[in-house]
Amino acid sequence: MAHASRRLDELRAPQVDTALSASSIIVQPLGAIEQHGPHLPFNTDLVIADRVAAGAVEAVGAAHDVWMLPPLAYTKSNEHAWSSGTIWLSATTLLAVLDDIGRCIAKTPARKLVFLNGHGGNSALVAAANRELRLAHGLMTFLAHPSIPPDQGGHSAAGELGMGIHGGTDETSLMLHLAPELVDMSVATRNVPEHLADNQHVKFGGSVAFGWLSNDFGPDGHIGDPVPATAELGKTLFDGAVATFGDALGEIAAFELPLT
């Protein structure tokens, strides 16, 4: 049976068993409601994850039998717990929520669940959840990002010295493209912990990780340089993110476990 929409929540109950099969891929976007400095809104990660997921599913959903769930807004944002307006789940709670989602997906014919994670603070926990859900519910589970966070080896603008991890050039550019009405560039300032750049090991993306809170790097809460951000760069980044995630969904469609 053909369906114009690829949103799972828009199906009616009798349609699930006809629309989904063992080859179906379910995408769960993960956002956050957390401070992003003085220039970006709390829903930055939510907007980016939701829009990238929607763009990729629109592009390749029919070809690869991909279905999209509504985004999860509240996740593990306790590095921003100091900021009024941040709404965060504990690691224990989020792990339980992800398990609950996996248990529910396992009741459908679909066997593949992809978390598209827009908040870098979730990455380690979601990677752990992937294995927990595989063991508990038999699903094939995947973790993808709209773009790899700089502290996990991803791109950061040259002037950010590898540390544009929160509210910097790229993230601000994406929001200037996706939701410019929510961005206030008149208060955008550079905030890069340059003294860390000379460290060989202990730095963002270095071989030695460290626990941190966003206000450890100044009272404004962002870490990076939003000043050079442009909507044009944001469109380029967005189009690239949609294309990359679409390509990844193609590989996920061909991926099978157990390997024999």
C-alpha atoms as a PDB file:
ATOM      1  CA  MET A   1       0.000   0.000   0.000  1.00  0.00           C
ATOM      2  CA  ALA A   2       1.401   3.419  -0.977  1.00  0.00           C
ATOM      3  CA  HIS A   3       1.480   6.293   1.504  1.00  0.00           C
ATOM      4  CA  ALA A   4       2.092   9.923   0.551  1.00  0.00           C
ATOM      5  CA  SER A   5       3.571  10.696   3.967  1.00  0.00           C
ATOM      6  CA  ARG A   6       6.625   8.991   5.443  1.00  0.00           C
ATOM      7  CA  ARG A   7       5.702  10.049   8.985  1.00  0.00           C
ATOM      8  CA  LEU A   8       4.890   7.081  11.174  1.00  0.00           C
ATOM      9  CA  ASP A   9       2.666   9.159  13.455  1.00  0.00           C
ATOM     10  CA  GLU A  10       0.396  10.034  10.538  1.00  0.00           C
ATOM     11  CA  LEU A  11      -0.498   6.392   9.857  1.00  0.00           C
ATOM     12  CA  ARG A  12      -3.725   4.912  11.166  1.00  0.00           C
ATOM     13  CA  ALA A  13      -3.443   1.770  13.287  1.00  0.00           C
ATOM     14  CA  PRO A  14      -4.518  -0.744  10.601  1.00  0.00           C
ATOM     15  CA  GLN A  15      -1.920   0.683   8.209  1.00  0.00           C
ATOM     16  CA  VAL A  16       1.131  -0.188  10.307  1.00  0.00           C
ATOM     17  CA  ASP A  17       1.312  -3.844   9.308  1.00  0.00           C
ATOM     18  CA  THR A  18       0.833  -3.022   5.636  1.00  0.00           C
ATOM     19  CA  ALA A  19       3.095   0.041   5.489  1.00  0.00           C
ATOM     20  CA  LEU A  20       6.006  -1.407   7.480  1.00  0.00           C
ATOM     21  CA  SER A  21       8.055  -4.533   6.905  1.00  0.00           C
ATOM     22  CA  ALA A  22      11.241  -6.103   8.215  1.00  0.00           C
ATOM     23  CA  SER A  23      13.177  -3.881   5.791  1.00  0.00           C
ATOM     24  CA  SER A  24      11.645  -0.636   7.086  1.00  0.00           C
ATOM     25  CA  ILE A  25      13.910   1.950   8.729  1.00  0.00           C
ATOM     26  CA  ILE A  26      12.561   4.141  11.527  1.00  0.00           C
ATOM     27  CA  VAL A  27      14.291   7.493  12.111  1.00  0.00           C
ATOM     28  CA  GLN A  28      14.047   9.095  15.552  1.00  0.00           C
ATOM     29  CA  PRO A  29      15.435  12.667  15.562  1.00  0.00           C
ATOM     30  CA  LEU A  30      16.937  13.752  18.891  1.00  0.00           C
ATOM     31  CA  GLY A  31      17.068  17.451  19.678  1.00  0.00           C
ATOM     32  CA  ALA A  32      17.522  19.456  22.865  1.00  0.00           C
ATOM     33  CA  ILE A  33      16.029  22.431  24.647  1.00  0.00           C
ATOM     34  CA  GLU A  34      19.120  24.151  26.016  1.00  0.00           C
ATOM     35  CA  GLN A  35      20.774  27.542  26.102  1.00  0.00           C
ATOM     36  CA  HIS A  36      22.811  28.372  23.006  1.00  0.00           C
ATOM     37  CA  GLY A  37      24.379  31.639  24.070  1.00  0.00           C
ATOM     38  CA  PRO A  38      22.766  35.056  23.662  1.00  0.00           C
ATOM     39  CA  HIS A  39      22.289  34.786  19.897  1.00  0.00           C
ATOM     40  CA  LEU A  40      20.578  31.417  19.287  1.00  0.00           C
ATOM     41  CA  PRO A  41      17.288  29.946  20.566  1.00  0.00           C
ATOM     42  CA  PHE A  42      16.908  27.066  22.999  1.00  0.00           C
ATOM     43  CA  ASN A  43      15.485  24.832  20.250  1.00  0.00           C
ATOM     44  CA  THR A  44      18.538  25.050  17.951  1.00  0.00           C
ATOM     45  CA  ASP A  45      19.441  21.348  18.103  1.00  0.00           C
ATOM     46  CA  LEU A  46      15.790  20.339  17.777  1.00  0.00           C
ATOM     47  CA  VAL A  47      15.255  22.437  14.653  1.00  0.00           C
ATOM     48  CA  ILE A  48      18.408  21.179  12.957  1.00  0.00           C
ATOM     49  CA  ALA A  49      17.843  17.476  13.701  1.00  0.00           C
ATOM     50  CA  ASP A  50      14.167  17.599  12.718  1.00  0.00           C
ATOM     51  CA  ARG A  51      14.744  19.472   9.470  1.00  0.00           C
ATOM     52  CA  VAL A  52      17.707  17.350   8.352  1.00  0.00           C
ATOM     53  CA  ALA A  53      15.786  14.166   9.096  1.00  0.00           C
ATOM     54  CA  ALA A  54      12.724  15.429   7.232  1.00  0.00           C
ATOM     55  CA  GLY A  55      14.795  16.474   4.228  1.00  0.00           C
ATOM     56  CA  ALA A  56      16.566  13.134   3.968  1.00  0.00           C
ATOM     57  CA  VAL A  57      13.399  11.098   4.473  1.00  0.00           C
ATOM     58  CA  GLU A  58      11.628  13.158   1.823  1.00  0.00           C
ATOM     59  CA  ALA A  59      14.526  12.542  -0.578  1.00  0.00           C
ATOM     60  CA  VAL A  60      15.162   8.817  -0.067  1.00  0.00           C
ATOM     61  CA  GLY A  61      12.327   7.547   2.129  1.00  0.00           C
ATOM     62  CA  ALA A  62      10.391   5.861  -0.637  1.00  0.00           C
ATOM     63  CA  ALA A  63      13.522   4.294  -2.148  1.00  0.00           C
ATOM     64  CA  HIS A  64      14.766   2.830   1.142  1.00  0.00           C
ATOM     65  CA  ASP A  65      11.477   2.346   3.056  1.00  0.00           C
ATOM     66  CA  VAL A  66      12.318   5.004   5.666  1.00  0.00           C
ATOM     67  CA  TRP A  67       9.798   6.333   8.185  1.00  0.00           C
ATOM     68  CA  MET A  68      10.194   9.290  10.519  1.00  0.00           C
ATOM     69  CA  LEU A  69       9.039   9.685  14.111  1.00  0.00           C
ATOM     70  CA  PRO A  70       8.337  13.058  15.764  1.00  0.00           C
ATOM     71  CA  PRO A  71      11.545  14.508  17.237  1.00  0.00           C
ATOM     72  CA  LEU A  72      12.387  14.012  20.890  1.00  0.00           C
ATOM     73  CA  ALA A  73      12.896  17.513  22.257  1.00  0.00           C
ATOM     74  CA  TYR A  74      14.137  16.829  25.782  1.00  0.00           C
ATOM     75  CA  THR A  75      17.446  14.965  26.101  1.00  0.00           C
ATOM     76  CA  LYS A  76      20.652  14.961  28.196  1.00  0.00           C
ATOM     77  CA  SER A  77      21.605  18.636  28.335  1.00  0.00           C
ATOM     78  CA  ASN A  78      22.918  18.877  31.887  1.00  0.00           C
ATOM     79  CA  GLU A  79      26.081  20.664  30.780  1.00  0.00           C
ATOM     80  CA  HIS A  80      23.669  23.598  30.448  1.00  0.00           C
ATOM     81  CA  ALA A  81      21.736  22.935  33.664  1.00  0.00           C
ATOM     82  CA  TRP A  82      23.018  26.229  35.104  1.00  0.00           C
ATOM     83  CA  SER A  83      20.946  28.178  32.571  1.00  0.00           C
ATOM     84  CA  SER A  84      17.304  28.960  33.284  1.00  0.00           C
ATOM     85  CA  GLY A  85      15.184  27.680  30.398  1.00  0.00           C
ATOM     86  CA  THR A  86      17.269  24.590  29.703  1.00  0.00           C
ATOM     87  CA  ILE A  87      15.086  21.492  30.073  1.00  0.00           C
ATOM     88  CA  TRP A  88      17.119  18.316  30.435  1.00  0.00           C
ATOM     89  CA  LEU A  89      16.743  14.642  31.233  1.00  0.00           C
ATOM     90  CA  SER A  90      19.203  12.749  33.393  1.00  0.00           C
ATOM     91  CA  ALA A  91      21.323  10.064  31.758  1.00  0.00           C
ATOM     92  CA  THR A  92      19.269   7.406  33.538  1.00  0.00           C
ATOM     93  CA  THR A  93      15.988   8.897  32.346  1.00  0.00           C
ATOM     94  CA  LEU A  94      17.080   9.329  28.737  1.00  0.00           C
ATOM     95  CA  LEU A  95      18.450   5.783  28.606  1.00  0.00           C
ATOM     96  CA  ALA A  96      15.074   4.547  29.865  1.00  0.00           C
ATOM     97  CA  VAL A  97      13.216   6.681  27.309  1.00  0.00           C
ATOM     98  CA  LEU A  98      15.334   5.338  24.448  1.00  0.00           C
ATOM     99  CA  ASP A  99      14.708   1.800  25.683  1.00  0.00           C
ATOM    100  CA  ASP A 100      10.964   2.493  25.795  1.00  0.00           C
ATOM    101  CA  ILE A 101      11.067   3.793  22.214  1.00  0.00           C
ATOM    102  CA  GLY A 102      12.990   0.719  21.107  1.00  0.00           C
ATOM    103  CA  ARG A 103      10.542  -1.605  22.838  1.00  0.00           C
ATOM    104  CA  CYS A 104       7.666   0.071  21.004  1.00  0.00           C
ATOM    105  CA  ILE A 105       9.377  -0.063  17.606  1.00  0.00           C
ATOM    106  CA  ALA A 106      10.064  -3.771  18.194  1.00  0.00           C
ATOM    107  CA  LYS A 107       6.280  -4.299  18.300  1.00  0.00           C
ATOM    108  CA  THR A 108       6.065  -3.162  14.669  1.00  0.00           C
ATOM    109  CA  PRO A 109       7.357  -5.134  11.675  1.00  0.00           C
ATOM    110  CA  ALA A 110      10.351  -2.749  11.373  1.00  0.00           C
ATOM    111  CA  ARG A 111      13.750  -4.048  12.506  1.00  0.00           C
ATOM    112  CA  LYS A 112      15.959  -0.961  12.093  1.00  0.00           C
ATOM    113  CA  LEU A 113      15.975   2.136  14.318  1.00  0.00           C
ATOM    114  CA  VAL A 114      18.165   5.163  13.559  1.00  0.00           C
ATOM    115  CA  PHE A 115      18.773   7.963  16.050  1.00  0.00           C
ATOM    116  CA  LEU A 116      19.608  11.222  14.240  1.00  0.00           C
ATOM    117  CA  ASN A 117      21.190  13.112  17.106  1.00  0.00           C
ATOM    118  CA  GLY A 118      21.390  16.888  16.926  1.00  0.00           C
ATOM    119  CA  HIS A 119      22.978  17.367  20.372  1.00  0.00           C
ATOM    120  CA  GLY A 120      26.581  16.264  20.910  1.00  0.00           C
ATOM    121  CA  GLY A 121      26.016  15.828  24.641  1.00  0.00           C
ATOM    122  CA  ASN A 122      23.830  12.814  23.841  1.00  0.00           C
ATOM    123  CA  SER A 123      26.328  10.953  21.670  1.00  0.00           C
ATOM    124  CA  ALA A 124      28.034   8.703  24.224  1.00  0.00           C
ATOM    125  CA  LEU A 125      24.759   7.757  25.869  1.00  0.00           C
ATOM    126  CA  VAL A 126      22.989   7.009  22.583  1.00  0.00           C
ATOM    127  CA  ALA A 127      25.929   4.868  21.480  1.00  0.00           C
ATOM    128  CA  ALA A 128      25.481   2.861  24.684  1.00  0.00           C
ATOM    129  CA  ALA A 129      21.725   2.690  24.087  1.00  0.00           C
ATOM    130  CA  ASN A 130      22.312   1.236  20.621  1.00  0.00           C
ATOM    131  CA  ARG A 131      23.816  -1.882  22.146  1.00  0.00           C
ATOM    132  CA  GLU A 132      21.262  -2.076  24.957  1.00  0.00           C
ATOM    133  CA  LEU A 133      18.393  -1.964  22.443  1.00  0.00           C
ATOM    134  CA  ARG A 134      20.097  -4.522  20.222  1.00  0.00           C
ATOM    135  CA  LEU A 135      20.363  -6.927  23.147  1.00  0.00           C
ATOM    136  CA  ALA A 136      16.975  -6.253  24.729  1.00  0.00           C
ATOM    137  CA  HIS A 137      14.770  -5.958  21.653  1.00  0.00           C
ATOM    138  CA  GLY A 138      16.663  -7.530  18.743  1.00  0.00           C
ATOM    139  CA  LEU A 139      16.650  -4.318  16.710  1.00  0.00           C
ATOM    140  CA  MET A 140      19.437  -3.167  14.457  1.00  0.00           C
ATOM    141  CA  THR A 141      20.272   0.257  15.888  1.00  0.00           C
ATOM    142  CA  PHE A 142      22.245   3.192  14.491  1.00  0.00           C
ATOM    143  CA  LEU A 143      23.519   6.597  15.627  1.00  0.00           C
ATOM    144  CA  ALA A 144      23.927   9.398  13.074  1.00  0.00           C
ATOM    145  CA  HIS A 145      24.375  13.162  13.370  1.00  0.00           C
ATOM    146  CA  PRO A 146      23.389  16.061  11.079  1.00  0.00           C
ATOM    147  CA  SER A 147      27.143  16.680  11.241  1.00  0.00           C
ATOM    148  CA  ILE A 148      29.798  15.107  13.452  1.00  0.00           C
ATOM    149  CA  PRO A 149      30.380  17.402  16.459  1.00  0.00           C
ATOM    150  CA  PRO A 150      33.830  19.045  16.428  1.00  0.00           C
ATOM    151  CA  ASP A 151      34.724  17.544  19.816  1.00  0.00           C
ATOM    152  CA  GLN A 152      34.083  14.139  18.242  1.00  0.00           C
ATOM    153  CA  GLY A 153      36.254  14.709  15.195  1.00  0.00           C
ATOM    154  CA  GLY A 154      33.924  16.796  13.071  1.00  0.00           C
ATOM    155  CA  HIS A 155      34.454  20.066  11.182  1.00  0.00           C
ATOM    156  CA  SER A 156      34.942  23.404  12.894  1.00  0.00           C
ATOM    157  CA  ALA A 157      35.611  26.718  11.181  1.00  0.00           C
ATOM    158  CA  ALA A 158      39.334  27.455  10.952  1.00  0.00           C
ATOM    159  CA  GLY A 159      39.150  30.424  13.302  1.00  0.00           C
ATOM    160  CA  GLU A 160      37.583  28.278  16.023  1.00  0.00           C
ATOM    161  CA  LEU A 161      40.732  26.133  16.364  1.00  0.00           C
ATOM    162  CA  GLY A 162      38.695  22.936  16.392  1.00  0.00           C
ATOM    163  CA  MET A 163      36.463  24.170  19.213  1.00  0.00           C
ATOM    164  CA  GLY A 164      33.289  25.463  17.576  1.00  0.00           C
ATOM    165  CA  ILE A 165      31.254  22.985  19.561  1.00  0.00           C
ATOM    166  CA  HIS A 166      28.239  24.997  20.715  1.00  0.00           C
ATOM    167  CA  GLY A 167      26.669  27.997  19.044  1.00  0.00           C
ATOM    168  CA  GLY A 168      29.652  28.613  16.772  1.00  0.00           C
ATOM    169  CA  THR A 169      30.007  29.413  13.080  1.00  0.00           C
ATOM    170  CA  ASP A 170      28.390  26.327  11.573  1.00  0.00           C
ATOM    171  CA  GLU A 171      25.495  25.959  14.000  1.00  0.00           C
ATOM    172  CA  THR A 172      24.668  29.661  13.791  1.00  0.00           C
ATOM    173  CA  SER A 173      24.830  29.527   9.994  1.00  0.00           C
ATOM    174  CA  LEU A 174      22.402  26.606   9.945  1.00  0.00           C
ATOM    175  CA  MET A 175      19.920  28.525  12.071  1.00  0.00           C
ATOM    176  CA  LEU A 176      20.311  31.641   9.903  1.00  0.00           C
ATOM    177  CA  HIS A 177      19.220  29.417   7.021  1.00  0.00           C
ATOM    178  CA  LEU A 178      16.499  27.429   8.795  1.00  0.00           C
ATOM    179  CA  ALA A 179      15.001  29.925  11.258  1.00  0.00           C
ATOM    180  CA  PRO A 180      16.568  33.380  10.848  1.00  0.00           C
ATOM    181  CA  GLU A 181      13.738  35.003  12.784  1.00  0.00           C
ATOM    182  CA  LEU A 182      15.015  33.250  15.937  1.00  0.00           C
ATOM    183  CA  VAL A 183      18.629  34.466  15.621  1.00  0.00           C
ATOM    184  CA  ASP A 184      19.989  37.761  16.968  1.00  0.00           C
ATOM    185  CA  MET A 185      23.374  38.399  15.374  1.00  0.00           C
ATOM    186  CA  SER A 186      23.657  41.794  17.096  1.00  0.00           C
ATOM    187  CA  VAL A 187      24.713  39.985  20.282  1.00  0.00           C
ATOM    188  CA  ALA A 188      26.884  37.312  18.652  1.00  0.00           C
ATOM    189  CA  THR A 189      30.420  37.276  20.052  1.00  0.00           C
ATOM    190  CA  ARG A 190      33.498  35.104  19.672  1.00  0.00           C
ATOM    191  CA  ASN A 191      34.189  32.784  22.613  1.00  0.00           C
ATOM    192  CA  VAL A 192      36.950  30.254  21.828  1.00  0.00           C
ATOM    193  CA  PRO A 193      39.121  28.780  24.642  1.00  0.00           C
ATOM    194  CA  GLU A 194      42.302  29.355  22.683  1.00  0.00           C
ATOM    195  CA  HIS A 195      44.614  28.192  25.470  1.00  0.00           C
ATOM    196  CA  LEU A 196      43.349  24.630  24.942  1.00  0.00           C
ATOM    197  CA  ALA A 197      44.364  24.589  21.285  1.00  0.00           C
ATOM    198  CA  ASP A 198      48.040  24.099  22.115  1.00  0.00           C
ATOM    199  CA  ASN A 199      47.366  21.012  24.243  1.00  0.00           C
ATOM    200  CA  GLN A 200      48.350  17.733  22.658  1.00  0.00           C
ATOM    201  CA  HIS A 201      45.851  15.577  24.549  1.00  0.00           C
ATOM    202  CA  VAL A 202      43.477  17.467  26.865  1.00  0.00           C
ATOM    203  CA  LYS A 203      41.265  19.503  24.542  1.00  0.00           C
ATOM    204  CA  PHE A 204      38.038  19.199  22.616  1.00  0.00           C
ATOM    205  CA  GLY A 205      38.583  16.318  20.221  1.00  0.00           C
ATOM    206  CA  GLY A 206      41.845  15.350  21.966  1.00  0.00           C
ATOM    207  CA  SER A 207      42.838  11.902  23.159  1.00  0.00           C
ATOM    208  CA  VAL A 208      41.929  12.759  26.787  1.00  0.00           C
ATOM    209  CA  ALA A 209      38.301  13.727  27.376  1.00  0.00           C
ATOM    210  CA  PHE A 210      37.196  15.857  30.298  1.00  0.00           C
ATOM    211  CA  GLY A 211      33.918  16.658  32.003  1.00  0.00           C
ATOM    212  CA  TRP A 212      32.743  20.209  31.461  1.00  0.00           C
ATOM    213  CA  LEU A 213      29.836  22.594  31.813  1.00  0.00           C
ATOM    214  CA  SER A 214      29.212  25.265  29.208  1.00  0.00           C
ATOM    215  CA  ASN A 215      29.659  28.093  31.720  1.00  0.00           C
ATOM    216  CA  ASP A 216      33.150  26.786  32.489  1.00  0.00           C
ATOM    217  CA  PHE A 217      34.135  28.766  29.380  1.00  0.00           C
ATOM    218  CA  GLY A 218      32.434  32.050  30.204  1.00  0.00           C
ATOM    219  CA  PRO A 219      29.051  33.384  31.277  1.00  0.00           C
ATOM    220  CA  ASP A 220      27.475  33.519  27.813  1.00  0.00           C
ATOM    221  CA  GLY A 221      27.356  29.735  27.417  1.00  0.00           C
ATOM    222  CA  HIS A 222      28.450  29.334  23.798  1.00  0.00           C
ATOM    223  CA  ILE A 223      31.809  27.904  22.690  1.00  0.00           C
ATOM    224  CA  GLY A 224      32.902  28.981  19.223  1.00  0.00           C
ATOM    225  CA  ASP A 225      32.696  31.999  16.960  1.00  0.00           C
ATOM    226  CA  PRO A 226      29.265  32.810  15.530  1.00  0.00           C
ATOM    227  CA  VAL A 227      30.345  36.188  14.147  1.00  0.00           C
ATOM    228  CA  PRO A 228      31.300  34.937  10.627  1.00  0.00           C
ATOM    229  CA  ALA A 229      28.091  32.914  10.271  1.00  0.00           C
ATOM    230  CA  THR A 230      25.923  33.433   7.181  1.00  0.00           C
ATOM    231  CA  ALA A 231      22.683  32.012   5.862  1.00  0.00           C
ATOM    232  CA  GLU A 232      24.490  31.092   2.634  1.00  0.00           C
ATOM    233  CA  LEU A 233      26.940  28.899   4.551  1.00  0.00           C
ATOM    234  CA  GLY A 234      23.981  27.495   6.469  1.00  0.00           C
ATOM    235  CA  LYS A 235      22.253  26.430   3.256  1.00  0.00           C
ATOM    236  CA  THR A 236      25.429  24.722   2.048  1.00  0.00           C
ATOM    237  CA  LEU A 237      25.803  22.911   5.369  1.00  0.00           C
ATOM    238  CA  PHE A 238      22.135  21.928   5.442  1.00  0.00           C
ATOM    239  CA  ASP A 239      22.089  20.592   1.899  1.00  0.00           C
ATOM    240  CA  GLY A 240      25.261  18.630   2.642  1.00  0.00           C
ATOM    241  CA  ALA A 241      23.808  17.215   5.855  1.00  0.00           C
ATOM    242  CA  VAL A 242      20.631  16.080   4.086  1.00  0.00           C
ATOM    243  CA  ALA A 243      22.624  14.450   1.282  1.00  0.00           C
ATOM    244  CA  THR A 244      25.026  12.736   3.689  1.00  0.00           C
ATOM    245  CA  PHE A 245      22.230  11.374   5.869  1.00  0.00           C
ATOM    246  CA  GLY A 246      20.393  10.217   2.763  1.00  0.00           C
ATOM    247  CA  ASP A 247      23.497   8.327   1.659  1.00  0.00           C
ATOM    248  CA  ALA A 248      23.821   6.820   5.121  1.00  0.00           C
ATOM    249  CA  LEU A 249      20.224   5.634   5.014  1.00  0.00           C
ATOM    250  CA  GLY A 250      21.044   3.812   1.789  1.00  0.00           C
ATOM    251  CA  GLU A 251      23.849   1.936   3.544  1.00  0.00           C
ATOM    252  CA  ILE A 252      21.620   1.267   6.549  1.00  0.00           C
ATOM    253  CA  ALA A 253      19.029  -0.224   4.194  1.00  0.00           C
ATOM    254  CA  ALA A 254      21.646  -2.707   2.934  1.00  0.00           C
ATOM    255  CA  PHE A 255      23.059  -3.458   6.404  1.00  0.00           C
ATOM    256  CA  GLU A 256      22.056  -6.700   8.092  1.00  0.00           C
ATOM    257  CA  LEU A 257      22.800  -8.443  11.376  1.00  0.00           C
ATOM    258  CA  PRO A 258      23.732 -11.070  12.264  1.00  0.00           C
ATOM    259  CA  LEU A 259      26.496 -11.320   9.682  1.00  0.00           C
ATOM    260  CA  THR A 260      26.756 -14.842   8.266  1.00  0.00           C
END
